[in-house]
Amino acid sequence: MNFLEEKILHEGTIKAGNVLKIDSFLNHQIDIDIMRQLANEIKRRFKGKEVNKILTIEASGIAIATMLASMYDVPVVFAKKSETANSTDNKYVAHAYSFTHKTMNNVFVSKPYLQADDKVLIVDDFLADGQAMHALIDIVHQAGGAVVGLAVAVEKGQQNGGKLLRDEGYHLESIAIVESMDWETQTIKFRKQTKHVSDTYNLKLVDE
């Protein structure tokens, strides 16, 4: 197991409907050490790639993106989901369905913050059906920029978002890929990735 898989096993909970709840360290309360490890691992996996901007979507991806951007020493841009009083019409807009909230969102980035010469690494906390990632890719392409790669903390491997993005030719790196999970038995299976072994684990028995 890698550090993120271990953290999920120790602190995660599977809810009815096979929803993985890890908000104690990733997307409600934030464990800075885990953010730091995620950023280090993402940068390692994209070694040699030129990156001059990190792009994410509000709100849960911002913590990872900010930590990563500090290592690259580049700006973070996050796509907004809601209009405000100072929103501008001069923006790139895409549509993204939220698997978690079951809603369709218009997400946008103001045009001055993405340029045609940008080499963008897109980052998010979860990947399910790939709607948010595709929206961010669309925004980068509207700006004329290049998508260097895609990075997520947790990929839901039982859904098809990761496969679609890889089939489209994108360099996608997921630090943990959940192959399957069962809320009744509180068991989770991670997909085998390079240099570590995958198996099925019980979230309530990980210390035994």
Protein backbone atom coordinates (compact mmCIF):
# COMPACT_ATOMS: atom_id res chain seq x y z
CA MET A 1 0.00 0.00 0.00
CA ASN A 2 1.04 3.59 -0.49
CA PHE A 3 0.54 6.39 2.05
CA LEU A 4 -2.86 7.46 0.71
CA GLU A 5 -4.27 3.95 0.63
CA GLU A 6 -3.13 3.46 4.22
CA LYS A 7 -4.76 6.75 5.26
CA ILE A 8 -8.03 5.75 3.59
CA LEU A 9 -8.01 2.42 5.41
CA HIS A 10 -7.36 4.03 8.80
CA GLU A 11 -9.72 7.00 8.55
CA GLY A 12 -12.12 6.34 5.69
CA THR A 13 -15.71 5.15 5.95
CA ILE A 14 -17.86 3.54 3.29
CA LYS A 15 -21.43 4.83 3.33
CA ALA A 16 -24.56 3.23 1.88
CA GLY A 17 -24.50 3.43 -1.90
CA ASN A 18 -20.75 2.73 -1.82
CA VAL A 19 -19.80 6.34 -1.12
CA LEU A 20 -16.26 6.74 0.20
CA LYS A 21 -16.14 9.31 3.00
CA ILE A 22 -12.64 10.66 3.67
CA ASP A 23 -13.46 14.20 4.68
CA SER A 24 -11.52 13.85 7.94
CA PHE A 25 -8.30 14.50 6.01
CA LEU A 26 -8.97 15.43 2.39
CA ASN A 27 -12.01 17.57 1.66
CA HIS A 28 -13.44 18.98 4.87
CA GLN A 29 -10.73 18.78 7.49
CA ILE A 30 -7.37 18.88 5.73
CA ASP A 31 -4.33 16.89 6.82
CA ILE A 32 -1.41 19.05 5.72
CA ASP A 33 1.07 16.18 5.87
CA ILE A 34 -1.11 14.15 3.49
CA MET A 35 -1.40 17.19 1.19
CA ARG A 36 2.36 17.51 1.22
CA GLN A 37 2.83 13.83 0.39
CA LEU A 38 0.25 14.03 -2.38
CA ALA A 39 1.97 17.05 -3.92
CA ASN A 40 5.38 15.37 -3.74
CA GLU A 41 4.08 12.19 -5.35
CA ILE A 42 2.24 14.05 -8.11
CA LYS A 43 5.32 16.10 -8.95
CA ARG A 44 7.43 12.92 -8.98
CA ARG A 45 5.06 11.24 -11.43
CA PHE A 46 5.21 14.22 -13.78
CA LYS A 47 8.98 14.60 -13.56
CA GLY A 48 10.38 16.19 -16.68
CA LYS A 49 7.10 17.83 -17.70
CA GLU A 50 7.11 21.61 -18.04
CA VAL A 51 4.33 23.14 -15.93
CA ASN A 52 3.66 26.85 -15.52
CA LYS A 53 0.14 26.72 -14.10
CA ILE A 54 -1.96 24.43 -11.88
CA LEU A 55 -5.71 24.29 -12.57
CA THR A 56 -8.41 22.82 -10.32
CA ILE A 57 -12.10 23.27 -9.57
CA GLU A 58 -13.59 24.65 -6.38
CA ALA A 59 -13.53 23.70 -3.68
CA SER A 60 -11.95 20.41 -2.63
CA GLY A 61 -9.13 20.41 -5.16
CA ILE A 62 -7.74 23.75 -4.03
CA ALA A 63 -5.72 22.43 -1.07
CA ILE A 64 -3.84 19.85 -3.16
CA ALA A 65 -3.38 22.30 -6.03
CA THR A 66 -1.96 25.00 -3.75
CA MET A 67 0.54 22.65 -2.13
CA LEU A 68 1.62 21.39 -5.54
CA ALA A 69 1.90 24.88 -6.99
CA SER A 70 4.20 25.89 -4.15
CA MET A 71 6.57 23.10 -5.22
CA TYR A 72 6.50 24.20 -8.85
CA ASP A 73 6.48 27.89 -7.81
CA VAL A 74 3.65 28.62 -10.25
CA PRO A 75 0.15 30.12 -9.88
CA VAL A 76 -2.99 28.16 -9.01
CA VAL A 77 -6.15 28.87 -10.96
CA PHE A 78 -9.43 27.39 -9.80
CA ALA A 79 -12.58 27.20 -11.87
CA LYS A 80 -15.57 28.73 -10.08
CA LYS A 81 -19.02 27.17 -9.98
CA SER A 82 -21.09 30.20 -9.09
CA GLU A 83 -21.42 33.76 -10.28
CA THR A 84 -20.68 36.63 -7.89
CA ALA A 85 -21.24 40.36 -7.98
CA ASN A 86 -17.76 40.90 -9.42
CA SER A 87 -17.89 38.08 -11.99
CA THR A 88 -16.92 39.15 -15.46
CA ASP A 89 -18.40 38.20 -18.84
CA ASN A 90 -14.83 37.85 -20.09
CA LYS A 91 -14.45 34.18 -19.15
CA TYR A 92 -14.15 30.64 -20.41
CA VAL A 93 -17.18 28.51 -19.51
CA ALA A 94 -17.74 24.74 -19.51
CA HIS A 95 -20.38 22.40 -18.11
CA ALA A 96 -19.71 19.74 -15.47
CA TYR A 97 -22.09 17.29 -13.84
CA SER A 98 -21.34 16.70 -10.16
CA PHE A 99 -21.56 13.00 -9.31
CA THR A 100 -21.54 13.83 -5.59
CA HIS A 101 -24.22 16.53 -5.65
CA LYS A 102 -26.19 15.22 -8.67
CA THR A 103 -26.27 18.69 -10.25
CA MET A 104 -25.06 20.26 -13.48
CA ASN A 105 -22.71 23.19 -12.93
CA ASN A 106 -21.47 25.90 -15.22
CA VAL A 107 -17.81 26.34 -14.29
CA PHE A 108 -15.71 29.24 -15.44
CA VAL A 109 -12.27 30.81 -15.41
CA SER A 110 -11.71 34.49 -16.15
CA LYS A 111 -9.81 34.84 -19.40
CA PRO A 112 -6.81 36.79 -18.04
CA TYR A 113 -5.82 33.79 -15.88
CA LEU A 114 -5.32 31.28 -18.70
CA GLN A 115 -3.26 32.03 -21.79
CA ALA A 116 -2.35 30.28 -25.02
CA ASP A 117 1.23 29.71 -23.85
CA ASP A 118 0.20 28.03 -20.57
CA LYS A 119 1.27 24.46 -19.87
CA VAL A 120 -1.34 23.30 -17.41
CA LEU A 121 -1.39 20.46 -14.90
CA ILE A 122 -4.99 19.79 -13.85
CA VAL A 123 -5.55 18.54 -10.29
CA ASP A 124 -8.57 17.34 -8.31
CA ASP A 125 -9.39 15.33 -5.19
CA PHE A 126 -11.73 12.71 -6.72
CA LEU A 127 -12.28 11.29 -10.19
CA ALA A 128 -15.54 9.43 -10.86
CA ASP A 129 -17.13 9.79 -14.29
CA GLY A 130 -14.64 12.40 -15.49
CA GLN A 131 -17.13 15.25 -16.00
CA ALA A 132 -15.18 17.79 -13.95
CA MET A 133 -11.89 16.86 -15.62
CA HIS A 134 -13.42 17.16 -19.07
CA ALA A 135 -14.81 20.59 -18.17
CA LEU A 136 -11.36 21.78 -17.05
CA ILE A 137 -9.74 20.33 -20.18
CA ASP A 138 -12.32 22.17 -22.28
CA ILE A 139 -11.49 25.45 -20.53
CA VAL A 140 -7.75 25.00 -21.15
CA HIS A 141 -8.43 24.27 -24.82
CA GLN A 142 -10.69 27.33 -25.10
CA ALA A 143 -7.73 29.39 -23.90
CA GLY A 144 -5.44 27.73 -26.44
CA GLY A 145 -3.24 26.25 -23.70
CA ALA A 146 -1.77 22.77 -23.41
CA VAL A 147 -2.86 20.12 -20.92
CA VAL A 148 0.39 18.65 -19.56
CA GLY A 149 -1.38 16.05 -17.43
CA LEU A 150 -4.16 15.17 -15.03
CA ALA A 151 -3.65 14.25 -11.38
CA VAL A 152 -6.16 13.11 -8.77
CA ALA A 153 -5.90 11.87 -5.23
CA VAL A 154 -8.57 9.16 -5.45
CA GLU A 155 -9.94 7.59 -8.61
CA LYS A 156 -13.13 5.54 -8.43
CA GLY A 157 -11.96 2.74 -10.69
CA GLN A 158 -15.37 1.10 -10.82
CA GLN A 159 -16.59 4.10 -12.83
CA ASN A 160 -15.40 4.88 -16.33
CA GLY A 161 -13.93 8.38 -15.99
CA GLY A 162 -10.32 7.25 -15.72
CA LYS A 163 -10.60 4.83 -18.63
CA LEU A 164 -12.19 7.48 -20.86
CA LEU A 165 -9.46 10.02 -20.13
CA ARG A 166 -6.64 7.52 -20.66
CA ASP A 167 -8.25 6.29 -23.89
CA GLU A 168 -8.33 9.90 -25.05
CA GLY A 169 -4.56 10.00 -24.63
CA TYR A 170 -4.22 12.09 -21.48
CA HIS A 171 -1.47 11.37 -18.97
CA LEU A 172 -3.59 10.65 -15.90
CA GLU A 173 -2.05 9.82 -12.54
CA SER A 174 -4.20 8.70 -9.60
CA ILE A 175 -2.49 8.21 -6.27
CA ALA A 176 -5.10 5.71 -5.09
CA ILE A 177 -7.50 3.83 -7.37
CA VAL A 178 -10.47 2.20 -5.65
CA GLU A 179 -11.33 -0.93 -7.62
CA SER A 180 -14.32 -1.86 -5.49
CA MET A 181 -15.82 -1.32 -2.04
CA ASP A 182 -18.64 -2.75 0.05
CA TRP A 183 -20.36 -0.68 2.75
CA GLU A 184 -21.91 -3.73 4.46
CA THR A 185 -18.54 -5.39 5.10
CA GLN A 186 -16.56 -2.12 5.11
CA THR A 187 -14.06 -3.65 2.69
CA ILE A 188 -12.18 -1.86 -0.04
CA LYS A 189 -9.98 -3.09 -2.87
CA PHE A 190 -7.33 -0.90 -4.45
CA ARG A 191 -6.14 -1.39 -8.00
CA LYS A 192 -2.56 -2.55 -8.30
CA GLN A 193 -0.21 0.21 -9.41
CA THR A 194 3.51 0.18 -10.10
CA LYS A 195 5.75 -0.68 -7.14
CA HIS A 196 3.07 -1.59 -4.66
CA VAL A 197 0.73 -4.52 -4.15
CA SER A 198 -3.05 -4.33 -4.27
CA ASP A 199 -5.38 -6.39 -2.14
CA THR A 200 -8.71 -6.28 -0.37
CA TYR A 201 -8.75 -4.69 3.07
CA ASN A 202 -11.29 -4.25 5.85
CA LEU A 203 -11.46 -0.66 7.05
CA LYS A 204 -12.33 -1.76 10.60
CA LEU A 205 -9.51 -4.31 10.91
CA VAL A 206 -6.54 -2.48 9.46
CA ASP A 207 -4.62 -2.41 12.77
CA GLU A 208 -4.89 -6.16 13.35
